[in-house]
């Protein structure tokens, strides 16, 4: 995180790919560094502060060839 803070939820596929299971929650303040790789790279983030949040994402793939950073959208129910 470069500025502000970000709330992150990390998910795993569950029920044979028919649902998502919440596996971790993180609050990332300015200066925090995190990372993950497939297949454990399903997350949802949002700004939980009163100021602008700025994060930097570094990818190990050619996204100019593969497309944007959202490889897939999961419209699945979330298990608690």
PDB file of N, CA and C in Angstrom:
ATOM      1  N   UNK A   1       0.845  -1.173   0.000  1.00  0.00           N
ATOM      2  CA  UNK A   1       0.000   0.000   0.000  1.00  0.00           C
ATOM      3  C   UNK A   1       0.884   1.228   0.000  1.00  0.00           C
ATOM      4  N   UNK A   2       0.572   2.123  -0.892  1.00  0.00           N
ATOM      5  CA  UNK A   2       1.327   3.366  -0.982  1.00  0.00           C
ATOM      6  C   UNK A   2       0.719   4.466  -0.118  1.00  0.00           C
ATOM      7  N   UNK A   3      -0.607   4.444   0.004  1.00  0.00           N
ATOM      8  CA  UNK A   3      -1.297   5.497   0.753  1.00  0.00           C
ATOM      9  C   UNK A   3      -2.628   4.951   1.246  1.00  0.00           C
ATOM     10  N   UNK A   4      -3.057   5.398   2.406  1.00  0.00           N
ATOM     11  CA  UNK A   4      -4.347   4.989   2.944  1.00  0.00           C
ATOM     12  C   UNK A   4      -4.308   3.578   3.506  1.00  0.00           C
ATOM     13  N   UNK A   5      -5.456   2.943   3.521  1.00  0.00           N
ATOM     14  CA  UNK A   5      -5.517   1.552   3.967  1.00  0.00           C
ATOM     15  C   UNK A   5      -6.580   0.820   3.162  1.00  0.00           C
ATOM     16  N   UNK A   6      -6.377  -0.465   3.064  1.00  0.00           N
ATOM     17  CA  UNK A   6      -7.231  -1.308   2.230  1.00  0.00           C
ATOM     18  C   UNK A   6      -7.641  -2.527   3.046  1.00  0.00           C
ATOM     19  N   UNK A   7      -8.913  -2.849   3.003  1.00  0.00           N
ATOM     20  CA  UNK A   7      -9.433  -4.066   3.623  1.00  0.00           C
ATOM     21  C   UNK A   7      -9.486  -5.134   2.546  1.00  0.00           C
ATOM     22  N   UNK A   8      -8.924  -6.296   2.823  1.00  0.00           N
ATOM     23  CA  UNK A   8      -8.829  -7.370   1.824  1.00  0.00           C
ATOM     24  C   UNK A   8      -9.436  -8.648   2.373  1.00  0.00           C
ATOM     25  N   UNK A   9     -10.226  -9.300   1.550  1.00  0.00           N
ATOM     26  CA  UNK A   9     -10.762 -10.627   1.866  1.00  0.00           C
ATOM     27  C   UNK A   9     -10.199 -11.594   0.826  1.00  0.00           C
ATOM     28  N   UNK A  10      -9.686 -12.723   1.296  1.00  0.00           N
ATOM     29  CA  UNK A  10      -9.108 -13.734   0.405  1.00  0.00           C
ATOM     30  C   UNK A  10     -10.010 -14.963   0.444  1.00  0.00           C
ATOM     31  N   UNK A  11     -10.286 -15.509  -0.742  1.00  0.00           N
ATOM     32  CA  UNK A  11     -11.223 -16.623  -0.880  1.00  0.00           C
ATOM     33  C   UNK A  11     -10.560 -17.832  -1.531  1.00  0.00           C
ATOM     34  N   UNK A  12     -11.158 -18.992  -1.308  1.00  0.00           N
ATOM     35  CA  UNK A  12     -10.789 -20.221  -2.001  1.00  0.00           C
ATOM     36  C   UNK A  12     -12.060 -20.814  -2.597  1.00  0.00           C
ATOM     37  N   UNK A  13     -11.906 -21.508  -3.710  1.00  0.00           N
ATOM     38  CA  UNK A  13     -13.053 -22.212  -4.283  1.00  0.00           C
ATOM     39  C   UNK A  13     -13.466 -23.334  -3.345  1.00  0.00           C
ATOM     40  N   UNK A  14     -14.762 -23.532  -3.193  1.00  0.00           N
ATOM     41  CA  UNK A  14     -15.304 -24.573  -2.315  1.00  0.00           C
ATOM     42  C   UNK A  14     -16.423 -25.294  -3.050  1.00  0.00           C
ATOM     43  N   UNK A  15     -16.874 -26.383  -2.465  1.00  0.00           N
ATOM     44  CA  UNK A  15     -17.993 -27.159  -3.022  1.00  0.00           C
ATOM     45  C   UNK A  15     -17.778 -27.478  -4.493  1.00  0.00           C
ATOM     46  N   UNK A  16     -16.582 -27.956  -4.821  1.00  0.00           N
ATOM     47  CA  UNK A  16     -16.293 -28.342  -6.201  1.00  0.00           C
ATOM     48  C   UNK A  16     -16.347 -27.179  -7.172  1.00  0.00           C
ATOM     49  N   UNK A  17     -16.022 -25.970  -6.698  1.00  0.00           N
ATOM     50  CA  UNK A  17     -16.037 -24.804  -7.569  1.00  0.00           C
ATOM     51  C   UNK A  17     -17.377 -24.111  -7.663  1.00  0.00           C
ATOM     52  N   UNK A  18     -18.342 -24.521  -6.831  1.00  0.00           N
ATOM     53  CA  UNK A  18     -19.682 -23.928  -6.884  1.00  0.00           C
ATOM     54  C   UNK A  18     -19.889 -22.813  -5.866  1.00  0.00           C
ATOM     55  N   UNK A  19     -18.880 -22.558  -5.029  1.00  0.00           N
ATOM     56  CA  UNK A  19     -18.990 -21.508  -4.006  1.00  0.00           C
ATOM     57  C   UNK A  19     -17.596 -20.997  -3.672  1.00  0.00           C
ATOM     58  N   UNK A  20     -17.572 -19.877  -2.977  1.00  0.00           N
ATOM     59  CA  UNK A  20     -16.323 -19.334  -2.457  1.00  0.00           C
ATOM     60  C   UNK A  20     -16.342 -19.438  -0.948  1.00  0.00           C
ATOM     61  N   UNK A  21     -15.183 -19.712  -0.373  1.00  0.00           N
ATOM     62  CA  UNK A  21     -15.048 -19.772   1.072  1.00  0.00           C
ATOM     63  C   UNK A  21     -14.060 -18.695   1.510  1.00  0.00           C
ATOM     64  N   UNK A  22     -14.455 -17.883   2.459  1.00  0.00           N
ATOM     65  CA  UNK A  22     -13.582 -16.851   2.991  1.00  0.00           C
ATOM     66  C   UNK A  22     -12.504 -17.510   3.835  1.00  0.00           C
ATOM     67  N   UNK A  23     -11.238 -17.280   3.489  1.00  0.00           N
ATOM     68  CA  UNK A  23     -10.143 -17.934   4.214  1.00  0.00           C
ATOM     69  C   UNK A  23      -9.256 -16.961   4.983  1.00  0.00           C
ATOM     70  N   UNK A  24      -9.317 -15.668   4.663  1.00  0.00           N
ATOM     71  CA  UNK A  24      -8.497 -14.698   5.395  1.00  0.00           C
ATOM     72  C   UNK A  24      -9.054 -13.301   5.208  1.00  0.00           C
ATOM     73  N   UNK A  25      -8.804 -12.475   6.215  1.00  0.00           N
ATOM     74  CA  UNK A  25      -9.133 -11.050   6.162  1.00  0.00           C
ATOM     75  C   UNK A  25      -7.881 -10.286   6.593  1.00  0.00           C
ATOM     76  N   UNK A  26      -7.548  -9.233   5.864  1.00  0.00           N
ATOM     77  CA  UNK A  26      -6.382  -8.426   6.187  1.00  0.00           C
ATOM     78  C   UNK A  26      -6.741  -6.952   6.107  1.00  0.00           C
ATOM     79  N   UNK A  27      -6.153  -6.152   6.981  1.00  0.00           N
ATOM     80  CA  UNK A  27      -6.198  -4.705   6.860  1.00  0.00           C
ATOM     81  C   UNK A  27      -4.779  -4.293   6.506  1.00  0.00           C
ATOM     82  N   UNK A  28      -4.619  -3.730   5.325  1.00  0.00           N
ATOM     83  CA  UNK A  28      -3.305  -3.368   4.810  1.00  0.00           C
ATOM     84  C   UNK A  28      -3.109  -1.860   4.903  1.00  0.00           C
ATOM     85  N   UNK A  29      -2.303  -1.384   5.871  1.00  0.00           N
ATOM     86  CA  UNK A  29      -2.048   0.051   5.981  1.00  0.00           C
ATOM     87  C   UNK A  29      -0.954   0.474   5.010  1.00  0.00           C
ATOM     88  N   UNK A  30      -0.761   1.774   4.873  1.00  0.00           N
ATOM     89  CA  UNK A  30       0.320   2.287   4.024  1.00  0.00           C
ATOM     90  C   UNK A  30       1.633   1.625   4.437  1.00  0.00           C
ATOM     91  N   UNK A  31       2.401   1.179   3.461  1.00  0.00           N
ATOM     92  CA  UNK A  31       3.667   0.503   3.707  1.00  0.00           C
ATOM     93  C   UNK A  31       3.569  -1.006   3.720  1.00  0.00           C
ATOM     94  N   UNK A  32       2.359  -1.557   3.785  1.00  0.00           N
ATOM     95  CA  UNK A  32       2.185  -3.012   3.811  1.00  0.00           C
ATOM     96  C   UNK A  32       2.501  -3.601   2.440  1.00  0.00           C
ATOM     97  N   UNK A  33       3.052  -4.808   2.460  1.00  0.00           N
ATOM     98  CA  UNK A  33       3.349  -5.549   1.232  1.00  0.00           C
ATOM     99  C   UNK A  33       2.743  -6.937   1.385  1.00  0.00           C
ATOM    100  N   UNK A  34       2.082  -7.409   0.353  1.00  0.00           N
ATOM    101  CA  UNK A  34       1.499  -8.745   0.374  1.00  0.00           C
ATOM    102  C   UNK A  34       1.631  -9.372  -0.992  1.00  0.00           C
ATOM    103  N   UNK A  35       1.369 -10.650  -1.054  1.00  0.00           N
ATOM    104  CA  UNK A  35       1.431 -11.308  -2.351  1.00  0.00           C
ATOM    105  C   UNK A  35       0.774 -12.671  -2.309  1.00  0.00           C
ATOM    106  N   UNK A  36       0.369 -13.128  -3.452  1.00  0.00           N
ATOM    107  CA  UNK A  36      -0.164 -14.473  -3.599  1.00  0.00           C
ATOM    108  C   UNK A  36      -0.111 -14.857  -5.058  1.00  0.00           C
ATOM    109  N   UNK A  37      -0.304 -16.123  -5.331  1.00  0.00           N
ATOM    110  CA  UNK A  37      -0.209 -16.638  -6.696  1.00  0.00           C
ATOM    111  C   UNK A  37      -1.300 -17.679  -6.906  1.00  0.00           C
ATOM    112  N   UNK A  38      -1.639 -17.943  -8.159  1.00  0.00           N
ATOM    113  CA  UNK A  38      -2.653 -18.955  -8.444  1.00  0.00           C
ATOM    114  C   UNK A  38      -2.249 -20.291  -7.826  1.00  0.00           C
ATOM    115  N   UNK A  39      -3.195 -21.086  -7.371  1.00  0.00           N
ATOM    116  CA  UNK A  39      -4.640 -20.897  -7.487  1.00  0.00           C
ATOM    117  C   UNK A  39      -5.234 -20.071  -6.357  1.00  0.00           C
ATOM    118  N   UNK A  40      -4.448 -19.610  -5.387  1.00  0.00           N
ATOM    119  CA  UNK A  40      -4.987 -18.889  -4.237  1.00  0.00           C
ATOM    120  C   UNK A  40      -5.038 -17.409  -4.425  1.00  0.00           C
ATOM    121  N   UNK A  41      -5.483 -16.958  -5.568  1.00  0.00           N
ATOM    122  CA  UNK A  41      -5.433 -15.525  -5.858  1.00  0.00           C
ATOM    123  C   UNK A  41      -6.804 -14.903  -6.094  1.00  0.00           C
ATOM    124  N   UNK A  42      -7.782 -15.339  -5.330  1.00  0.00           N
ATOM    125  CA  UNK A  42      -9.116 -14.757  -5.425  1.00  0.00           C
ATOM    126  C   UNK A  42      -9.272 -13.820  -4.235  1.00  0.00           C
ATOM    127  N   UNK A  43      -9.412 -12.535  -4.508  1.00  0.00           N
ATOM    128  CA  UNK A  43      -9.577 -11.602  -3.409  1.00  0.00           C
ATOM    129  C   UNK A  43     -10.540 -10.483  -3.768  1.00  0.00           C
ATOM    130  N   UNK A  44     -10.950  -9.766  -2.731  1.00  0.00           N
ATOM    131  CA  UNK A  44     -11.811  -8.595  -2.885  1.00  0.00           C
ATOM    132  C   UNK A  44     -11.237  -7.538  -1.947  1.00  0.00           C
ATOM    133  N   UNK A  45     -11.049  -6.329  -2.469  1.00  0.00           N
ATOM    134  CA  UNK A  45     -10.468  -5.258  -1.660  1.00  0.00           C
ATOM    135  C   UNK A  45     -11.365  -4.032  -1.694  1.00  0.00           C
ATOM    136  N   UNK A  46     -11.260  -3.233  -0.637  1.00  0.00           N
ATOM    137  CA  UNK A  46     -11.977  -1.957  -0.613  1.00  0.00           C
ATOM    138  C   UNK A  46     -11.261  -1.005   0.339  1.00  0.00           C
ATOM    139  N   UNK A  47     -11.474   0.261   0.095  1.00  0.00           N
ATOM    140  CA  UNK A  47     -10.901   1.306   0.927  1.00  0.00           C
ATOM    141  C   UNK A  47     -11.755   1.431   2.181  1.00  0.00           C
ATOM    142  N   UNK A  48     -11.154   1.257   3.353  1.00  0.00           N
ATOM    143  CA  UNK A  48     -11.903   1.375   4.603  1.00  0.00           C
ATOM    144  C   UNK A  48     -11.500   2.618   5.388  1.00  0.00           C
ATOM    145  N   UNK A  49     -10.689   3.469   4.783  1.00  0.00           N
ATOM    146  CA  UNK A  49     -10.264   4.686   5.460  1.00  0.00           C
ATOM    147  C   UNK A  49     -11.067   5.888   5.007  1.00  0.00           C
ATOM    148  N   UNK A  50     -10.729   7.021   5.583  1.00  0.00           N
ATOM    149  CA  UNK A  50     -11.389   8.271   5.227  1.00  0.00           C
ATOM    150  C   UNK A  50     -10.669   8.997   4.103  1.00  0.00           C
ATOM    151  N   UNK A  51      -9.462   8.544   3.768  1.00  0.00           N
ATOM    152  CA  UNK A  51      -8.651   9.177   2.737  1.00  0.00           C
ATOM    153  C   UNK A  51      -8.593   8.296   1.494  1.00  0.00           C
ATOM    154  N   UNK A  52      -8.007   8.833   0.451  1.00  0.00           N
ATOM    155  CA  UNK A  52      -7.789   8.069  -0.778  1.00  0.00           C
ATOM    156  C   UNK A  52      -6.806   6.936  -0.489  1.00  0.00           C
ATOM    157  N   UNK A  53      -7.104   5.748  -0.979  1.00  0.00           N
ATOM    158  CA  UNK A  53      -6.196   4.603  -0.860  1.00  0.00           C
ATOM    159  C   UNK A  53      -5.540   4.370  -2.213  1.00  0.00           C
ATOM    160  N   UNK A  54      -4.227   4.159  -2.184  1.00  0.00           N
ATOM    161  CA  UNK A  54      -3.470   3.902  -3.405  1.00  0.00           C
ATOM    162  C   UNK A  54      -2.653   2.635  -3.194  1.00  0.00           C
ATOM    163  N   UNK A  55      -2.865   1.651  -4.063  1.00  0.00           N
ATOM    164  CA  UNK A  55      -2.076   0.419  -3.985  1.00  0.00           C
ATOM    165  C   UNK A  55      -1.400   0.181  -5.329  1.00  0.00           C
ATOM    166  N   UNK A  56      -0.307  -0.550  -5.299  1.00  0.00           N
ATOM    167  CA  UNK A  56       0.421  -0.884  -6.522  1.00  0.00           C
ATOM    168  C   UNK A  56       0.426  -2.397  -6.662  1.00  0.00           C
ATOM    169  N   UNK A  57       0.088  -2.869  -7.850  1.00  0.00           N
ATOM    170  CA  UNK A  57       0.033  -4.301  -8.124  1.00  0.00           C
ATOM    171  C   UNK A  57       1.109  -4.650  -9.142  1.00  0.00           C
ATOM    172  N   UNK A  58       1.868  -5.678  -8.852  1.00  0.00           N
ATOM    173  CA  UNK A  58       2.932  -6.137  -9.741  1.00  0.00           C
ATOM    174  C   UNK A  58       2.572  -7.556 -10.175  1.00  0.00           C
ATOM    175  N   UNK A  59       2.559  -7.786 -11.496  1.00  0.00           N
ATOM    176  CA  UNK A  59       2.146  -9.078 -12.038  1.00  0.00           C
ATOM    177  C   UNK A  59       3.321  -9.783 -12.690  1.00  0.00           C
ATOM    178  N   UNK A  60       3.310 -11.103 -12.626  1.00  0.00           N
ATOM    179  CA  UNK A  60       4.366 -11.894 -13.238  1.00  0.00           C
ATOM    180  C   UNK A  60       3.964 -12.439 -14.590  1.00  0.00           C
ATOM    181  N   UNK A  61       3.059 -11.769 -15.246  1.00  0.00           N
ATOM    182  CA  UNK A  61       2.607 -12.196 -16.573  1.00  0.00           C
ATOM    183  C   UNK A  61       2.489 -10.968 -17.462  1.00  0.00           C
ATOM    184  N   UNK A  62       2.465 -11.183 -18.741  1.00  0.00           N
ATOM    185  CA  UNK A  62       2.334 -10.091 -19.704  1.00  0.00           C
ATOM    186  C   UNK A  62       0.853  -9.742 -19.836  1.00  0.00           C
ATOM    187  N   UNK A  63       0.384  -8.783 -19.008  1.00  0.00           N
ATOM    188  CA  UNK A  63      -1.045  -8.456 -19.055  1.00  0.00           C
ATOM    189  C   UNK A  63      -1.410  -7.670 -20.304  1.00  0.00           C
ATOM    190  N   UNK A  64      -0.420  -7.140 -21.022  1.00  0.00           N
ATOM    191  CA  UNK A  64      -0.754  -6.502 -22.301  1.00  0.00           C
ATOM    192  C   UNK A  64      -1.192  -7.556 -23.310  1.00  0.00           C
ATOM    193  N   UNK A  65      -0.718  -8.783 -23.130  1.00  0.00           N
ATOM    194  CA  UNK A  65      -1.112  -9.891 -24.006  1.00  0.00           C
ATOM    195  C   UNK A  65      -2.302 -10.648 -23.436  1.00  0.00           C
ATOM    196  N   UNK A  66      -2.340 -10.811 -22.121  1.00  0.00           N
ATOM    197  CA  UNK A  66      -3.385 -11.616 -21.482  1.00  0.00           C
ATOM    198  C   UNK A  66      -4.642 -10.829 -21.132  1.00  0.00           C
ATOM    199  N   UNK A  67      -4.549  -9.509 -21.133  1.00  0.00           N
ATOM    200  CA  UNK A  67      -5.702  -8.702 -20.754  1.00  0.00           C
ATOM    201  C   UNK A  67      -5.503  -8.096 -19.385  1.00  0.00           C
ATOM    202  N   UNK A  68      -6.561  -7.538 -18.836  1.00  0.00           N
ATOM    203  CA  UNK A  68      -6.419  -6.834 -17.563  1.00  0.00           C
ATOM    204  C   UNK A  68      -6.166  -7.788 -16.412  1.00  0.00           C
ATOM    205  N   UNK A  69      -6.042  -7.226 -15.231  1.00  0.00           N
ATOM    206  CA  UNK A  69      -5.683  -8.027 -14.066  1.00  0.00           C
ATOM    207  C   UNK A  69      -6.815  -8.910 -13.583  1.00  0.00           C
ATOM    208  N   UNK A  70      -8.018  -8.672 -14.029  1.00  0.00           N
ATOM    209  CA  UNK A  70      -9.144  -9.506 -13.604  1.00  0.00           C
ATOM    210  C   UNK A  70      -9.248 -10.676 -14.575  1.00  0.00           C
ATOM    211  N   UNK A  71      -8.660 -11.780 -14.180  1.00  0.00           N
ATOM    212  CA  UNK A  71      -8.675 -12.945 -15.065  1.00  0.00           C
ATOM    213  C   UNK A  71     -10.046 -13.578 -15.126  1.00  0.00           C
ATOM    214  N   UNK A  72     -10.773 -13.509 -14.019  1.00  0.00           N
ATOM    215  CA  UNK A  72     -12.084 -14.144 -14.003  1.00  0.00           C
ATOM    216  C   UNK A  72     -12.921 -13.510 -12.908  1.00  0.00           C
ATOM    217  N   UNK A  73     -14.186 -13.459 -13.148  1.00  0.00           N
ATOM    218  CA  UNK A  73     -15.109 -12.934 -12.152  1.00  0.00           C
ATOM    219  C   UNK A  73     -15.884 -14.102 -11.571  1.00  0.00           C
ATOM    220  N   UNK A  74     -16.008 -14.129 -10.261  1.00  0.00           N
ATOM    221  CA  UNK A  74     -16.678 -15.227  -9.583  1.00  0.00           C
ATOM    222  C   UNK A  74     -18.025 -14.754  -9.059  1.00  0.00           C
ATOM    223  N   UNK A  75     -19.088 -15.122  -9.756  1.00  0.00           N
ATOM    224  CA  UNK A  75     -20.450 -14.793  -9.325  1.00  0.00           C
ATOM    225  C   UNK A  75     -21.003 -15.996  -8.572  1.00  0.00           C
ATOM    226  N   UNK A  76     -20.346 -16.319  -7.447  1.00  0.00           N
ATOM    227  CA  UNK A  76     -20.688 -17.502  -6.668  1.00  0.00           C
ATOM    228  C   UNK A  76     -21.129 -17.095  -5.268  1.00  0.00           C
ATOM    229  N   UNK A  77     -21.911 -17.920  -4.613  1.00  0.00           N
ATOM    230  CA  UNK A  77     -22.250 -17.621  -3.220  1.00  0.00           C
ATOM    231  C   UNK A  77     -20.997 -17.728  -2.364  1.00  0.00           C
ATOM    232  N   UNK A  78     -20.959 -16.946  -1.286  1.00  0.00           N
ATOM    233  CA  UNK A  78     -19.820 -16.981  -0.374  1.00  0.00           C
ATOM    234  C   UNK A  78     -20.246 -17.692   0.895  1.00  0.00           C
ATOM    235  N   UNK A  79     -19.507 -18.746   1.214  1.00  0.00           N
ATOM    236  CA  UNK A  79     -19.756 -19.478   2.455  1.00  0.00           C
ATOM    237  C   UNK A  79     -19.088 -18.751   3.613  1.00  0.00           C
ATOM    238  N   UNK A  80     -19.718 -18.685   4.767  1.00  0.00           N
ATOM    239  CA  UNK A  80     -19.081 -18.025   5.932  1.00  0.00           C
ATOM    240  C   UNK A  80     -17.900 -18.827   6.447  1.00  0.00           C
TER     241      UNK A  80
END
